[in-house]
């Protein structure tokens, strides 16, 4: 069972990470207009693209999926993560 239905390209932070192809950190989900809530306890999140280096889109590697990590703490993630 998924926490949310399938997320479209560019929709929500996961879809935006897929579209942009880079990690997105949301310090406080209450202040993120593109956030799709799946758990009321979530305060911040980091979404990281998963690359398939064997597949290309143009000259860029294909994003195979995203890794979405949520936290109950505001401002939990930073660039080191």
Foldseek 3Di string as FASTA:
>chain_A
DDLDPDADQCAALFNVCQNVVAKDKFQALVPDPRHDDSDPLFGIKIKGFDFDQVDDDVNHTHGPGIDIDTDSHGRPDDPVD
